[in-house]
């Protein structure tokens, strides 16, 4: 009976180790997916800013929804100062581009700036 308990505990320990490896792999692949999404959105933003592209809005400006999504994705990387700084800049652009939610974007800009000050 004792031997059965030892085997069961050994199996559980192995399963927990496998689960930890799976979780770490998932976190790494999730980060990669977010980074790929950021690059895709940046490419869309560049194409919208280019007046020769058909994706441009009628006034030639960028999509507020696109910028908003980019800020959200960049803000996920709370340990990378450059990405947070970029999110702050985009939040500032959204203060101008999205007059309906101007106060919201000012608040987000301040919150992200605080996160930047915490990054070492």
N, C-alpha and C. Protein backbone atom coordinates (compact mmCIF):
# COMPACT_ATOMS: atom_id res chain seq x y z
N UNK A 1 0.83 -1.20 0.00
CA UNK A 1 0.00 0.00 0.00
C UNK A 1 0.87 1.27 0.00
N UNK A 2 1.93 1.26 0.81
CA UNK A 2 2.83 2.41 0.86
C UNK A 2 3.49 2.65 -0.50
N UNK A 3 3.86 1.55 -1.16
CA UNK A 3 4.49 1.67 -2.47
C UNK A 3 3.53 2.31 -3.49
N UNK A 4 2.26 1.95 -3.40
CA UNK A 4 1.26 2.53 -4.30
C UNK A 4 1.14 4.04 -4.07
N UNK A 5 1.17 4.45 -2.81
CA UNK A 5 1.09 5.87 -2.49
C UNK A 5 2.30 6.62 -3.05
N UNK A 6 3.50 6.01 -2.91
CA UNK A 6 4.71 6.65 -3.42
C UNK A 6 4.64 6.81 -4.95
N UNK A 7 4.17 5.76 -5.63
CA UNK A 7 4.05 5.84 -7.09
C UNK A 7 3.05 6.93 -7.50
N UNK A 8 1.93 6.96 -6.79
CA UNK A 8 0.91 7.96 -7.10
C UNK A 8 1.46 9.37 -6.89
N UNK A 9 2.17 9.58 -5.80
CA UNK A 9 2.77 10.89 -5.53
C UNK A 9 3.81 11.25 -6.59
N UNK A 10 4.60 10.26 -7.02
CA UNK A 10 5.60 10.50 -8.05
C UNK A 10 4.93 10.90 -9.36
N UNK A 11 3.83 10.21 -9.71
CA UNK A 11 3.09 10.56 -10.94
C UNK A 11 2.53 11.97 -10.84
N UNK A 12 1.98 12.31 -9.69
CA UNK A 12 1.42 13.66 -9.51
C UNK A 12 2.50 14.73 -9.65
N UNK A 13 3.66 14.47 -9.08
CA UNK A 13 4.77 15.41 -9.19
C UNK A 13 5.18 15.59 -10.64
N UNK A 14 5.26 14.49 -11.38
CA UNK A 14 5.60 14.56 -12.80
C UNK A 14 4.55 15.35 -13.57
N UNK A 15 3.27 15.11 -13.27
CA UNK A 15 2.19 15.82 -13.95
C UNK A 15 2.24 17.31 -13.64
N UNK A 16 2.55 17.66 -12.37
CA UNK A 16 2.65 19.07 -12.01
C UNK A 16 3.80 19.73 -12.75
N UNK A 17 4.93 19.02 -12.88
CA UNK A 17 6.06 19.56 -13.63
C UNK A 17 5.68 19.78 -15.08
N UNK A 18 4.96 18.80 -15.66
CA UNK A 18 4.51 18.94 -17.05
C UNK A 18 3.56 20.11 -17.19
N UNK A 19 2.66 20.29 -16.21
CA UNK A 19 1.72 21.40 -16.25
C UNK A 19 2.46 22.73 -16.17
N UNK A 20 3.49 22.81 -15.33
CA UNK A 20 4.28 24.04 -15.22
C UNK A 20 4.97 24.35 -16.54
N UNK A 21 5.52 23.32 -17.20
CA UNK A 21 6.15 23.52 -18.50
C UNK A 21 5.14 23.99 -19.52
N UNK A 22 3.94 23.39 -19.50
CA UNK A 22 2.88 23.79 -20.44
C UNK A 22 2.47 25.23 -20.21
N UNK A 23 2.35 25.63 -18.95
CA UNK A 23 1.95 27.00 -18.63
C UNK A 23 3.01 27.98 -19.10
N UNK A 24 4.27 27.66 -18.89
CA UNK A 24 5.36 28.53 -19.33
C UNK A 24 5.37 28.64 -20.85
N UNK A 25 5.18 27.52 -21.53
CA UNK A 25 5.14 27.53 -23.00
C UNK A 25 3.97 28.35 -23.49
N UNK A 26 2.81 28.20 -22.83
CA UNK A 26 1.62 28.95 -23.22
C UNK A 26 1.85 30.45 -23.05
N UNK A 27 2.48 30.84 -21.95
CA UNK A 27 2.76 32.26 -21.72
C UNK A 27 3.70 32.80 -22.80
N UNK A 28 4.72 32.02 -23.16
CA UNK A 28 5.64 32.46 -24.20
C UNK A 28 4.94 32.58 -25.54
N UNK A 29 4.12 31.60 -25.89
CA UNK A 29 3.44 31.65 -27.18
C UNK A 29 2.38 32.75 -27.19
N UNK A 30 1.74 33.01 -26.03
CA UNK A 30 0.77 34.10 -25.95
C UNK A 30 1.44 35.43 -26.16
N UNK A 31 2.64 35.61 -25.58
CA UNK A 31 3.40 36.84 -25.79
C UNK A 31 3.78 37.02 -27.25
N UNK A 32 4.14 35.92 -27.88
CA UNK A 32 4.50 35.97 -29.30
C UNK A 32 3.28 36.37 -30.14
N UNK A 33 2.13 35.81 -29.81
CA UNK A 33 0.91 36.15 -30.53
C UNK A 33 0.57 37.62 -30.38
N UNK A 34 0.71 38.15 -29.16
CA UNK A 34 0.42 39.57 -28.94
C UNK A 34 1.40 40.43 -29.73
N UNK A 35 2.69 40.05 -29.72
CA UNK A 35 3.68 40.82 -30.47
C UNK A 35 3.37 40.80 -31.97
N UNK A 36 2.93 39.66 -32.48
CA UNK A 36 2.57 39.59 -33.90
C UNK A 36 1.35 40.47 -34.18
N UNK A 37 0.41 40.49 -33.25
CA UNK A 37 -0.77 41.35 -33.41
C UNK A 37 -0.37 42.82 -33.42
N UNK A 38 0.56 43.18 -32.55
CA UNK A 38 1.03 44.57 -32.51
C UNK A 38 1.65 44.95 -33.85
N UNK A 39 2.48 44.08 -34.40
CA UNK A 39 3.10 44.37 -35.69
C UNK A 39 2.05 44.48 -36.79
N UNK A 40 1.04 43.61 -36.76
CA UNK A 40 -0.02 43.68 -37.77
C UNK A 40 -0.80 44.97 -37.68
N UNK A 41 -1.09 45.41 -36.47
CA UNK A 41 -1.83 46.66 -36.28
C UNK A 41 -0.99 47.86 -36.70
N UNK A 42 0.30 47.82 -36.39
CA UNK A 42 1.18 48.92 -36.82
C UNK A 42 1.22 49.02 -38.34
N UNK A 43 1.24 47.86 -39.00
CA UNK A 43 1.23 47.86 -40.46
C UNK A 43 -0.08 48.44 -40.99
N UNK A 44 -1.20 48.09 -40.37
CA UNK A 44 -2.48 48.65 -40.78
C UNK A 44 -2.49 50.16 -40.58
N UNK A 45 -1.93 50.61 -39.44
CA UNK A 45 -1.87 52.05 -39.16
C UNK A 45 -1.05 52.77 -40.22
N UNK A 46 0.10 52.20 -40.58
CA UNK A 46 0.92 52.82 -41.62
C UNK A 46 0.17 52.90 -42.94
N UNK A 47 -0.56 51.84 -43.28
CA UNK A 47 -1.29 51.85 -44.55
C UNK A 47 -2.43 52.85 -44.52
N UNK A 48 -3.02 53.06 -43.35
CA UNK A 48 -4.11 54.04 -43.26
C UNK A 48 -3.59 55.47 -43.32
N UNK A 49 -2.38 55.68 -42.84
CA UNK A 49 -1.80 57.02 -42.88
C UNK A 49 -1.32 57.38 -44.27
N UNK A 50 -1.09 56.37 -45.11
CA UNK A 50 -0.64 56.59 -46.48
C UNK A 50 -1.87 56.90 -47.34
N UNK A 51 -1.96 58.10 -47.89
CA UNK A 51 -3.16 58.47 -48.66
C UNK A 51 -3.36 57.64 -49.92
N UNK A 52 -2.33 56.98 -50.40
CA UNK A 52 -2.49 56.18 -51.61
C UNK A 52 -3.13 54.83 -51.34
N UNK A 53 -3.27 54.47 -50.07
CA UNK A 53 -3.87 53.17 -49.72
C UNK A 53 -5.40 53.28 -49.68
N UNK A 54 -6.05 52.23 -50.07
CA UNK A 54 -7.52 52.25 -50.10
C UNK A 54 -8.13 52.08 -48.72
N UNK A 55 -7.35 51.65 -47.73
CA UNK A 55 -7.88 51.46 -46.38
C UNK A 55 -8.00 52.75 -45.60
N UNK A 56 -7.51 53.86 -46.15
CA UNK A 56 -7.57 55.14 -45.45
C UNK A 56 -9.02 55.54 -45.23
N UNK A 57 -9.26 56.19 -44.10
CA UNK A 57 -10.60 56.72 -43.89
C UNK A 57 -10.80 57.91 -44.81
N UNK A 58 -12.00 58.38 -44.92
CA UNK A 58 -12.30 59.44 -45.89
C UNK A 58 -11.48 60.70 -45.66
N UNK A 59 -11.20 61.03 -44.40
CA UNK A 59 -10.42 62.24 -44.13
C UNK A 59 -8.92 61.99 -44.10
N UNK A 60 -8.51 60.76 -44.40
CA UNK A 60 -7.09 60.44 -44.44
C UNK A 60 -6.48 60.17 -43.08
N UNK A 61 -7.29 60.19 -42.03
CA UNK A 61 -6.78 59.95 -40.68
C UNK A 61 -6.73 58.47 -40.35
N UNK A 62 -6.29 58.20 -39.15
CA UNK A 62 -6.21 56.81 -38.71
C UNK A 62 -7.48 56.42 -37.97
N UNK A 63 -7.69 55.14 -37.89
CA UNK A 63 -8.86 54.61 -37.21
C UNK A 63 -8.68 54.69 -35.69
N UNK A 64 -9.62 55.28 -35.02
CA UNK A 64 -9.58 55.37 -33.56
C UNK A 64 -9.63 53.97 -32.94
N UNK A 65 -10.41 53.09 -33.52
CA UNK A 65 -10.50 51.73 -33.01
C UNK A 65 -9.18 51.00 -33.14
N UNK A 66 -8.50 51.23 -34.23
CA UNK A 66 -7.20 50.61 -34.46
C UNK A 66 -6.18 51.11 -33.44
N UNK A 67 -6.13 52.41 -33.23
CA UNK A 67 -5.21 52.97 -32.24
C UNK A 67 -5.54 52.47 -30.84
N UNK A 68 -6.82 52.38 -30.54
CA UNK A 68 -7.25 51.90 -29.24
C UNK A 68 -6.78 50.46 -29.00
N UNK A 69 -6.95 49.62 -30.01
CA UNK A 69 -6.50 48.22 -29.89
C UNK A 69 -4.99 48.15 -29.70
N UNK A 70 -4.28 49.01 -30.40
CA UNK A 70 -2.82 49.01 -30.29
C UNK A 70 -2.38 49.45 -28.89
N UNK A 71 -3.03 50.44 -28.34
CA UNK A 71 -2.72 50.87 -26.97
C UNK A 71 -2.96 49.72 -25.99
N UNK A 72 -4.08 49.04 -26.14
CA UNK A 72 -4.39 47.91 -25.25
C UNK A 72 -3.33 46.82 -25.34
N UNK A 73 -2.92 46.48 -26.54
CA UNK A 73 -1.91 45.43 -26.71
C UNK A 73 -0.55 45.86 -26.18
N UNK A 74 -0.16 47.08 -26.45
CA UNK A 74 1.14 47.56 -25.97
C UNK A 74 1.17 47.61 -24.44
N UNK A 75 0.05 47.93 -23.86
CA UNK A 75 -0.02 48.04 -22.40
C UNK A 75 0.12 46.69 -21.70
N UNK A 76 -0.09 45.61 -22.42
CA UNK A 76 0.07 44.28 -21.83
C UNK A 76 1.51 44.01 -21.42
N UNK A 77 2.46 44.64 -22.09
CA UNK A 77 3.88 44.44 -21.79
C UNK A 77 4.33 45.45 -20.75
N UNK A 78 3.92 45.22 -19.51
CA UNK A 78 4.18 46.18 -18.44
C UNK A 78 5.65 46.23 -18.02
N UNK A 79 6.45 45.30 -18.50
CA UNK A 79 7.86 45.29 -18.12
C UNK A 79 8.78 45.84 -19.22
N UNK A 80 8.21 46.32 -20.31
CA UNK A 80 9.01 46.85 -21.41
C UNK A 80 8.71 48.34 -21.59
N UNK A 81 9.66 49.14 -21.17
CA UNK A 81 9.48 50.59 -21.14
C UNK A 81 9.17 51.18 -22.51
N UNK A 82 9.86 50.68 -23.56
CA UNK A 82 9.67 51.25 -24.90
C UNK A 82 8.23 51.06 -25.38
N UNK A 83 7.67 49.89 -25.12
CA UNK A 83 6.29 49.63 -25.56
C UNK A 83 5.30 50.48 -24.77
N UNK A 84 5.56 50.66 -23.49
CA UNK A 84 4.68 51.52 -22.68
C UNK A 84 4.78 52.98 -23.13
N UNK A 85 5.98 53.41 -23.49
CA UNK A 85 6.14 54.77 -23.99
C UNK A 85 5.38 54.96 -25.30
N UNK A 86 5.41 53.96 -26.14
CA UNK A 86 4.66 54.03 -27.39
C UNK A 86 3.15 54.09 -27.11
N UNK A 87 2.70 53.32 -26.12
CA UNK A 87 1.29 53.35 -25.75
C UNK A 87 0.90 54.73 -25.23
N UNK A 88 1.79 55.38 -24.50
CA UNK A 88 1.53 56.73 -24.00
C UNK A 88 1.39 57.72 -25.16
N UNK A 89 2.28 57.60 -26.12
CA UNK A 89 2.22 58.49 -27.30
C UNK A 89 0.92 58.30 -28.05
N UNK A 90 0.54 57.04 -28.25
CA UNK A 90 -0.71 56.76 -28.96
C UNK A 90 -1.92 57.25 -28.17
N UNK A 91 -1.87 57.15 -26.85
CA UNK A 91 -2.97 57.67 -26.02
C UNK A 91 -3.10 59.18 -26.21
N UNK A 92 -1.94 59.85 -26.32
CA UNK A 92 -1.96 61.28 -26.59
C UNK A 92 -2.58 61.60 -27.94
N UNK A 93 -2.29 60.77 -28.94
CA UNK A 93 -2.90 60.95 -30.26
C UNK A 93 -4.42 60.74 -30.17
N UNK A 94 -4.82 59.79 -29.36
CA UNK A 94 -6.25 59.51 -29.23
C UNK A 94 -7.00 60.63 -28.52
N UNK A 95 -6.32 61.40 -27.68
CA UNK A 95 -6.94 62.57 -27.06
C UNK A 95 -7.43 63.52 -28.15
N UNK A 96 -6.65 63.62 -29.22
CA UNK A 96 -7.00 64.52 -30.33
C UNK A 96 -7.97 63.84 -31.30
N UNK A 97 -7.69 62.58 -31.64
CA UNK A 97 -8.46 61.87 -32.66
C UNK A 97 -9.85 61.43 -32.20
N UNK A 98 -10.01 61.23 -30.90
CA UNK A 98 -11.28 60.72 -30.36
C UNK A 98 -11.87 61.73 -29.37
N UNK A 99 -12.48 62.81 -29.87
CA UNK A 99 -12.96 63.86 -28.97
C UNK A 99 -14.06 63.40 -28.02
N UNK A 100 -14.81 62.39 -28.39
CA UNK A 100 -15.88 61.91 -27.53
C UNK A 100 -15.32 61.31 -26.25
N UNK A 101 -14.18 60.61 -26.37
CA UNK A 101 -13.59 59.96 -25.19
C UNK A 101 -12.27 60.63 -24.77
N UNK A 102 -12.20 61.92 -24.97
CA UNK A 102 -10.98 62.68 -24.67
C UNK A 102 -10.54 62.51 -23.21
N UNK A 103 -11.47 62.62 -22.26
CA UNK A 103 -11.11 62.48 -20.84
C UNK A 103 -10.60 61.08 -20.54
N UNK A 104 -11.24 60.11 -21.15
CA UNK A 104 -10.82 58.71 -20.96
C UNK A 104 -9.37 58.52 -21.41
N UNK A 105 -9.04 59.06 -22.58
CA UNK A 105 -7.69 58.88 -23.11
C UNK A 105 -6.66 59.65 -22.31
N UNK A 106 -7.02 60.79 -21.75
CA UNK A 106 -6.09 61.52 -20.87
C UNK A 106 -5.79 60.69 -19.62
N UNK A 107 -6.85 60.08 -19.08
CA UNK A 107 -6.68 59.24 -17.89
C UNK A 107 -5.79 58.03 -18.22
N UNK A 108 -6.07 57.38 -19.34
CA UNK A 108 -5.24 56.23 -19.76
C UNK A 108 -3.79 56.65 -19.95
N UNK A 109 -3.57 57.81 -20.54
CA UNK A 109 -2.21 58.32 -20.75
C UNK A 109 -1.49 58.47 -19.40
N UNK A 110 -2.18 59.03 -18.41
CA UNK A 110 -1.58 59.19 -17.08
C UNK A 110 -1.30 57.83 -16.44
N UNK A 111 -2.23 56.89 -16.57
CA UNK A 111 -2.05 55.57 -15.97
C UNK A 111 -0.84 54.84 -16.58
N UNK A 112 -0.71 54.93 -17.88
CA UNK A 112 0.42 54.27 -18.54
C UNK A 112 1.72 54.95 -18.15
N UNK A 113 1.70 56.28 -18.02
CA UNK A 113 2.91 57.00 -17.58
C UNK A 113 3.34 56.55 -16.20
N UNK A 114 2.38 56.28 -15.33
CA UNK A 114 2.71 55.78 -13.99
C UNK A 114 3.37 54.40 -14.09
N UNK A 115 2.88 53.56 -14.98
CA UNK A 115 3.47 52.24 -15.17
C UNK A 115 4.91 52.36 -15.66
N UNK A 116 5.16 53.33 -16.52
CA UNK A 116 6.52 53.54 -17.03
C UNK A 116 7.47 53.87 -15.89
N UNK A 117 7.00 54.68 -14.96
CA UNK A 117 7.87 55.08 -13.85
C UNK A 117 8.19 53.89 -12.94
N UNK A 118 7.37 52.83 -12.98
CA UNK A 118 7.62 51.65 -12.15
C UNK A 118 8.58 50.66 -12.81
N UNK A 119 8.79 50.82 -14.12
CA UNK A 119 9.68 49.89 -14.84
C UNK A 119 11.12 50.30 -14.54
N UNK A 120 11.91 49.32 -14.17
CA UNK A 120 13.31 49.59 -13.84
C UNK A 120 14.19 49.40 -15.04
